[in-house]
Amino acid sequence: MVENTNKDFKEKYVRSVIKLGNSHAITFPQDWTKEAKLKEKSEVTIYPIDESSIVIKTGDKEKQKTVLNISLEWSIDLIKQALISAFKLDVNEIYIQLSKKNQDEIFDLLTQLRGEMIGMDFKELQDTNQFLVYFLTDTSKKTFKDVLMELINTFRRIINNVIGGKNKKNNELLLAEIDRKYSLGRRILITGLSDYPVSKSYRNLPVIQFLGNRVVLIYVRDFINESLNLQYFPSNVIQKYSDLLIKIPKLLIDIVNDYDNINLKTISEFYNELNNLNSIFSKIKLGETFEELELRNSIKYFLNSFQNFFDIGMTRLIETEVGMV
């Protein structure tokens, strides 16, 4: 017999088999569990020896994360093959460096491959000018805020393309991408409804916070739909309003970044910036063309819609102040 070198352990433990659903289970001794650092949902490996013997081992050390970095020197064909190979090898994360020249091309490639590789997803990292590609099977790992940010980044990309003269007609990949993200946002909202705090005075009505999130999602989608029409305006008209157009997605990004931290400071900053955008807009003298009048109507739509974000922010601020959440 192998000598037990741990004085805290008994030579043997006796446990009764218990029925658990359609399976059977045994409990582990508390002292051994503590030494083995087992917690709820920890994994153990069971090795059958014969009909009356098994060996149980605690899980191996956490598998080291595998990361692939793809630089600007990689061609689009090499990137495609690298992603396919990384998928086969179960690589955890792939970082693809971007430039203004290849950004749209890589975006289209990733959108296409996501439809072909089950569990593949990606997001843009603005701070580092990279796309992060990863593989998962559980879409619930995405938060509602993540989905909103991805939709807003799509909106920002459309605006930048219009200003830069790189108008891409309503291609199927882009529209499919928007629909997928919007549908994912709705699923997250619906499945997570039970997690929202219920306002004390309105127990029998839908939760205010849930309704606010739903309105935000709808308006971000509507912002995108409106921006798709901008690609049909003459470039000289777009350039006249380019500085203002760039600020619109930036304000959306600021709103979502403060989404879980709405207080007097953040709501005041948003309100001041919205007033600033309205002031800039009012100072741009209207030209005589019909196209410019239509463009101004689109911009008015964006600015007026921001009022809904302000209303939602104030509602959440008051909910917090009076202790309803």
Protein backbone atom coordinates (compact mmCIF):
# COMPACT_ATOMS: atom_id res chain seq x y z
CA MET A 1 0.00 0.00 0.00
CA VAL A 2 1.28 3.46 -0.79
CA GLU A 3 1.90 5.43 2.37
CA ASN A 4 -0.41 8.41 2.89
CA THR A 5 1.95 11.38 3.22
CA ASN A 6 -0.81 13.85 4.21
CA LYS A 7 -1.63 13.44 7.89
CA ASP A 8 -4.96 15.25 7.42
CA PHE A 9 -6.28 12.52 5.12
CA LYS A 10 -7.75 9.25 6.28
CA GLU A 11 -6.48 6.01 4.81
CA LYS A 12 -9.87 5.49 3.20
CA TYR A 13 -13.27 7.14 3.01
CA VAL A 14 -16.62 5.38 2.78
CA ARG A 15 -19.41 7.06 0.87
CA SER A 16 -22.95 5.98 -0.07
CA VAL A 17 -24.11 6.18 -3.65
CA ILE A 18 -27.08 8.53 -4.04
CA LYS A 19 -29.53 8.86 -6.91
CA LEU A 20 -29.35 12.18 -8.78
CA GLY A 21 -31.92 12.40 -11.57
CA ASN A 22 -31.19 9.58 -13.99
CA SER A 23 -27.60 9.29 -12.70
CA HIS A 24 -25.89 8.26 -9.49
CA ALA A 25 -23.44 10.32 -7.43
CA ILE A 26 -21.19 10.28 -4.41
CA THR A 27 -19.98 13.15 -2.23
CA PHE A 28 -16.31 13.99 -1.70
CA PRO A 29 -14.78 14.24 1.79
CA GLN A 30 -14.58 17.86 2.90
CA ASP A 31 -10.90 17.77 3.96
CA TRP A 32 -9.77 16.26 0.65
CA THR A 33 -11.97 18.65 -1.34
CA LYS A 34 -10.36 21.60 0.41
CA GLU A 35 -6.82 20.38 -0.25
CA ALA A 36 -7.67 19.63 -3.89
CA LYS A 37 -9.10 23.17 -4.22
CA LEU A 38 -12.36 21.90 -5.70
CA LYS A 39 -15.24 24.32 -5.97
CA GLU A 40 -18.70 24.21 -7.49
CA LYS A 41 -18.46 23.34 -11.22
CA SER A 42 -14.81 22.27 -10.88
CA GLU A 43 -13.99 19.40 -13.22
CA VAL A 44 -12.49 16.04 -12.26
CA THR A 45 -11.35 13.22 -14.53
CA ILE A 46 -12.54 9.66 -13.83
CA TYR A 47 -10.40 6.73 -14.99
CA PRO A 48 -12.17 3.31 -14.89
CA ILE A 49 -9.72 0.59 -13.85
CA ASP A 50 -12.04 -2.43 -13.67
CA GLU A 51 -15.64 -3.19 -12.70
CA SER A 52 -14.95 -2.30 -9.05
CA SER A 53 -12.21 0.37 -9.23
CA ILE A 54 -11.85 3.90 -10.54
CA VAL A 55 -9.25 6.64 -10.10
CA ILE A 56 -10.40 10.24 -9.73
CA LYS A 57 -8.04 13.09 -10.55
CA THR A 58 -8.64 16.79 -10.24
CA GLY A 59 -8.59 18.75 -13.48
CA ASP A 60 -5.31 19.54 -15.15
CA LYS A 61 -3.90 23.02 -14.87
CA GLU A 62 -5.80 25.58 -16.88
CA LYS A 63 -4.93 25.32 -20.52
CA GLN A 64 -2.73 28.18 -21.67
CA LYS A 65 -4.54 30.59 -23.94
CA THR A 66 -3.41 30.42 -27.57
CA VAL A 67 -3.17 33.72 -29.43
CA LEU A 68 -2.39 34.43 -33.09
CA ASN A 69 -1.30 37.92 -34.17
CA ILE A 70 -1.71 38.87 -37.84
CA SER A 71 0.19 41.95 -38.99
CA LEU A 72 -0.45 44.37 -41.84
CA GLU A 73 1.93 42.40 -44.08
CA TRP A 74 -0.52 39.51 -44.40
CA SER A 75 -2.53 39.45 -47.64
CA ILE A 76 -6.28 38.88 -47.53
CA ASP A 77 -5.84 35.35 -48.94
CA LEU A 78 -3.33 34.47 -46.22
CA ILE A 79 -5.62 35.90 -43.54
CA LYS A 80 -8.49 33.77 -44.79
CA GLN A 81 -6.43 30.58 -44.73
CA ALA A 82 -4.97 31.48 -41.33
CA LEU A 83 -8.46 31.84 -39.85
CA ILE A 84 -9.53 28.49 -41.28
CA SER A 85 -6.43 26.80 -39.84
CA ALA A 86 -6.82 28.55 -36.49
CA PHE A 87 -10.41 27.31 -36.35
CA LYS A 88 -9.24 23.72 -36.89
CA LEU A 89 -6.57 24.11 -34.21
CA ASP A 90 -9.02 25.66 -31.73
CA VAL A 91 -6.92 28.81 -31.30
CA ASN A 92 -8.50 31.01 -28.62
CA GLU A 93 -7.94 34.50 -30.03
CA ILE A 94 -6.75 36.03 -33.30
CA TYR A 95 -5.77 39.69 -33.51
CA ILE A 96 -5.74 41.19 -37.03
CA GLN A 97 -4.00 44.54 -37.46
CA LEU A 98 -5.98 47.05 -39.52
CA SER A 99 -5.32 49.99 -41.76
CA LYS A 100 -7.77 52.29 -43.53
CA LYS A 101 -6.83 50.49 -46.73
CA ASN A 102 -7.73 46.94 -45.66
CA GLN A 103 -10.35 47.54 -42.96
CA ASP A 104 -13.43 47.06 -45.15
CA GLU A 105 -11.95 44.10 -46.98
CA ILE A 106 -11.16 42.27 -43.74
CA PHE A 107 -14.57 43.16 -42.30
CA ASP A 108 -16.27 41.59 -45.33
CA LEU A 109 -14.07 38.50 -45.05
CA LEU A 110 -14.86 38.02 -41.35
CA THR A 111 -18.57 38.50 -41.98
CA GLN A 112 -18.45 35.86 -44.73
CA LEU A 113 -16.45 33.36 -42.66
CA ARG A 114 -18.71 33.77 -39.65
CA GLY A 115 -21.53 32.35 -41.74
CA GLU A 116 -19.35 29.34 -42.59
CA MET A 117 -17.67 28.62 -39.23
CA ILE A 118 -20.01 27.66 -36.42
CA GLY A 119 -19.07 29.53 -33.26
CA MET A 120 -16.83 32.15 -34.88
CA ASP A 121 -17.35 35.77 -33.91
CA PHE A 122 -15.37 38.99 -34.00
CA LYS A 123 -15.34 42.59 -32.87
CA GLU A 124 -13.37 45.71 -33.70
CA LEU A 125 -10.90 47.08 -31.14
CA GLN A 126 -10.74 50.77 -31.93
CA ASP A 127 -8.01 51.59 -29.41
CA THR A 128 -5.52 49.23 -31.09
CA ASN A 129 -6.82 49.28 -34.69
CA GLN A 130 -7.42 45.55 -34.68
CA PHE A 131 -10.13 42.99 -35.24
CA LEU A 132 -10.38 40.40 -32.47
CA VAL A 133 -11.57 37.03 -33.76
CA TYR A 134 -12.58 34.28 -31.35
CA PHE A 135 -14.50 31.04 -31.36
CA LEU A 136 -17.39 30.24 -29.06
CA THR A 137 -20.54 28.17 -29.06
CA ASP A 138 -22.52 30.10 -26.46
CA THR A 139 -23.78 33.44 -27.79
CA SER A 140 -24.98 34.34 -24.30
CA LYS A 141 -21.36 35.20 -23.54
CA LYS A 142 -22.03 38.46 -25.35
CA THR A 143 -23.55 41.24 -23.27
CA PHE A 144 -26.21 43.64 -24.47
CA LYS A 145 -23.66 46.45 -24.26
CA ASP A 146 -21.28 44.49 -26.55
CA VAL A 147 -24.00 44.14 -29.17
CA LEU A 148 -24.87 47.84 -28.98
CA MET A 149 -21.21 48.79 -29.43
CA GLU A 150 -20.88 46.53 -32.48
CA LEU A 151 -23.98 48.06 -34.05
CA ILE A 152 -22.72 51.58 -33.36
CA ASN A 153 -19.33 50.72 -34.85
CA THR A 154 -21.14 49.56 -37.98
CA PHE A 155 -22.97 52.91 -38.02
CA ARG A 156 -19.66 54.74 -37.56
CA ARG A 157 -18.07 52.77 -40.41
CA ILE A 158 -20.90 53.71 -42.77
CA ILE A 159 -20.58 57.40 -41.85
CA ASN A 160 -16.79 57.32 -42.35
CA ASN A 161 -17.16 55.57 -45.70
CA VAL A 162 -19.68 58.15 -46.89
CA ILE A 163 -17.42 61.04 -45.84
CA GLY A 164 -14.36 59.35 -47.37
CA GLY A 165 -16.13 58.77 -50.67
CA LYS A 166 -15.99 54.98 -50.28
CA ASN A 167 -19.72 54.50 -50.69
CA LYS A 168 -20.63 50.85 -50.70
CA LYS A 169 -24.11 50.23 -52.04
CA ASN A 170 -26.40 48.17 -49.85
CA ASN A 171 -24.37 45.00 -50.17
CA GLU A 172 -25.82 41.81 -48.78
CA LEU A 173 -22.97 41.14 -46.34
CA LEU A 174 -23.38 44.45 -44.54
CA LEU A 175 -27.14 44.18 -44.29
CA ALA A 176 -26.87 40.58 -43.06
CA GLU A 177 -24.38 41.71 -40.43
CA ILE A 178 -26.72 44.43 -39.18
CA ASP A 179 -29.67 42.04 -39.02
CA ARG A 180 -27.64 39.41 -37.15
CA LYS A 181 -26.45 41.85 -34.48
CA TYR A 182 -29.89 43.40 -34.07
CA SER A 183 -31.52 39.97 -33.69
CA LEU A 184 -28.85 38.94 -31.18
CA GLY A 185 -29.55 42.09 -29.15
CA ARG A 186 -33.26 41.28 -29.03
CA ARG A 187 -32.56 37.70 -27.94
CA ILE A 188 -30.29 38.89 -25.13
CA LEU A 189 -32.96 41.32 -23.95
CA ILE A 190 -35.75 38.74 -23.99
CA THR A 191 -33.79 35.92 -22.38
CA GLY A 192 -32.40 38.27 -19.74
CA LEU A 193 -35.72 39.88 -18.86
CA SER A 194 -36.00 37.95 -15.61
CA ASP A 195 -32.71 39.49 -14.44
CA TYR A 196 -33.97 43.08 -14.66
CA PRO A 197 -34.96 44.75 -11.39
CA VAL A 198 -38.70 45.35 -11.15
CA SER A 199 -39.75 48.85 -10.16
CA LYS A 200 -41.43 48.64 -6.77
CA SER A 201 -44.52 50.64 -7.70
CA TYR A 202 -45.20 48.91 -11.01
CA ARG A 203 -44.93 45.20 -10.32
CA ASN A 204 -47.45 44.18 -12.98
CA LEU A 205 -45.95 46.25 -15.82
CA PRO A 206 -42.86 45.53 -17.97
CA VAL A 207 -39.67 46.73 -16.36
CA ILE A 208 -38.66 50.30 -17.16
CA GLN A 209 -35.03 49.34 -17.68
CA PHE A 210 -35.96 46.60 -20.13
CA LEU A 211 -38.12 49.01 -22.13
CA GLY A 212 -35.31 51.56 -22.15
CA ASN A 213 -32.85 49.02 -23.50
CA ARG A 214 -35.34 48.01 -26.18
CA VAL A 215 -35.81 51.63 -27.28
CA VAL A 216 -32.04 52.17 -27.44
CA LEU A 217 -31.62 49.06 -29.59
CA ILE A 218 -34.39 50.14 -31.97
CA TYR A 219 -32.99 53.66 -32.36
CA VAL A 220 -29.46 52.44 -33.01
CA ARG A 221 -30.88 50.20 -35.73
CA ASP A 222 -32.84 53.16 -37.15
CA PHE A 223 -29.67 55.30 -37.09
CA ILE A 224 -28.00 52.68 -39.28
CA ASN A 225 -30.94 52.53 -41.68
CA GLU A 226 -30.90 56.31 -42.06
CA SER A 227 -27.13 56.38 -42.56
CA LEU A 228 -27.39 53.92 -45.46
CA ASN A 229 -29.28 56.61 -47.38
CA LEU A 230 -26.38 59.07 -47.01
CA GLN A 231 -24.30 57.23 -49.61
CA TYR A 232 -26.56 58.57 -52.35
CA PHE A 233 -25.90 62.26 -51.63
CA PRO A 234 -23.37 64.28 -53.70
CA SER A 235 -19.90 64.40 -52.13
CA ASN A 236 -19.84 68.22 -51.97
CA VAL A 237 -23.02 68.22 -49.86
CA ILE A 238 -21.64 65.51 -47.57
CA GLN A 239 -18.35 67.39 -47.09
CA LYS A 240 -20.22 70.52 -46.01
CA TYR A 241 -21.62 68.60 -43.04
CA SER A 242 -18.77 66.12 -42.52
CA ASP A 243 -17.53 67.56 -39.19
CA LEU A 244 -21.02 67.31 -37.75
CA LEU A 245 -21.65 63.82 -39.15
CA ILE A 246 -18.46 62.47 -37.55
CA LYS A 247 -19.59 63.69 -34.12
CA ILE A 248 -22.91 61.80 -34.23
CA PRO A 249 -21.54 58.21 -33.90
CA LYS A 250 -19.00 59.51 -31.38
CA LEU A 251 -21.82 60.74 -29.14
CA LEU A 252 -23.54 57.35 -29.49
CA ILE A 253 -20.33 55.61 -28.42
CA ASP A 254 -20.01 57.92 -25.41
CA ILE A 255 -23.60 57.12 -24.39
CA VAL A 256 -23.03 53.36 -24.47
CA ASN A 257 -19.68 53.63 -22.68
CA ASP A 258 -21.57 55.32 -19.82
CA TYR A 259 -24.48 52.90 -20.13
CA ASP A 260 -23.87 51.29 -16.73
CA ASN A 261 -22.71 54.49 -15.07
CA ILE A 262 -25.48 57.04 -15.58
CA ASN A 263 -25.17 59.80 -13.01
CA LEU A 264 -25.52 63.57 -12.89
CA LYS A 265 -22.06 64.08 -14.40
CA THR A 266 -22.46 61.72 -17.36
CA ILE A 267 -26.03 62.79 -18.17
CA SER A 268 -25.00 66.47 -18.03
CA GLU A 269 -22.05 65.85 -20.37
CA PHE A 270 -24.36 64.12 -22.84
CA TYR A 271 -26.91 66.95 -22.69
CA ASN A 272 -24.21 69.59 -23.22
CA GLU A 273 -22.75 67.73 -26.19
CA LEU A 274 -26.20 67.32 -27.73
CA ASN A 275 -26.79 71.06 -27.39
CA ASN A 276 -23.39 71.64 -29.00
CA LEU A 277 -24.33 69.49 -32.01
CA ASN A 278 -27.62 71.37 -32.41
CA SER A 279 -25.72 74.66 -32.27
CA ILE A 280 -23.25 73.53 -34.95
CA PHE A 281 -26.10 72.40 -37.15
CA SER A 282 -28.04 75.65 -36.82
CA LYS A 283 -24.97 77.68 -37.86
CA ILE A 284 -24.55 75.84 -41.18
CA LYS A 285 -26.32 77.94 -43.79
CA LEU A 286 -28.81 76.04 -45.93
CA GLY A 287 -27.98 75.87 -49.62
CA GLU A 288 -30.42 75.87 -52.49
CA THR A 289 -30.29 72.23 -53.58
CA PHE A 290 -32.92 69.62 -52.83
CA GLU A 291 -30.17 67.12 -51.88
CA GLU A 292 -28.91 69.37 -49.11
CA LEU A 293 -32.42 69.82 -47.75
CA GLU A 294 -32.82 66.04 -47.60
CA LEU A 295 -29.44 65.63 -45.90
CA ARG A 296 -30.43 68.19 -43.27
CA ASN A 297 -33.62 66.22 -42.64
CA SER A 298 -31.51 63.11 -41.97
CA ILE A 299 -29.30 65.03 -39.56
CA LYS A 300 -32.37 66.43 -37.83
CA TYR A 301 -33.58 62.87 -37.41
CA PHE A 302 -30.33 61.90 -35.67
CA LEU A 303 -30.36 64.93 -33.37
CA ASN A 304 -34.04 64.64 -32.49
CA SER A 305 -33.66 60.93 -31.76
CA PHE A 306 -30.94 61.69 -29.23
CA GLN A 307 -33.69 63.21 -27.09
CA ASN A 308 -34.98 59.67 -26.51
CA PHE A 309 -31.57 58.64 -25.19
CA PHE A 310 -31.64 61.65 -22.89
CA ASP A 311 -35.12 60.70 -21.60
CA ILE A 312 -33.96 57.13 -20.90
CA GLY A 313 -30.85 58.40 -19.12
CA MET A 314 -32.88 60.74 -16.91
CA THR A 315 -35.33 57.93 -16.09
CA ARG A 316 -32.51 55.68 -14.95
CA LEU A 317 -30.91 58.49 -12.97
CA ILE A 318 -34.17 59.12 -11.11
CA GLU A 319 -34.74 55.38 -10.57
CA THR A 320 -31.33 55.23 -8.88
CA GLU A 321 -31.85 58.40 -6.85
CA VAL A 322 -35.16 57.26 -5.36
CA GLY A 323 -34.00 53.68 -4.75
CA MET A 324 -36.16 51.91 -7.34
CA VAL A 325 -33.23 49.84 -8.66
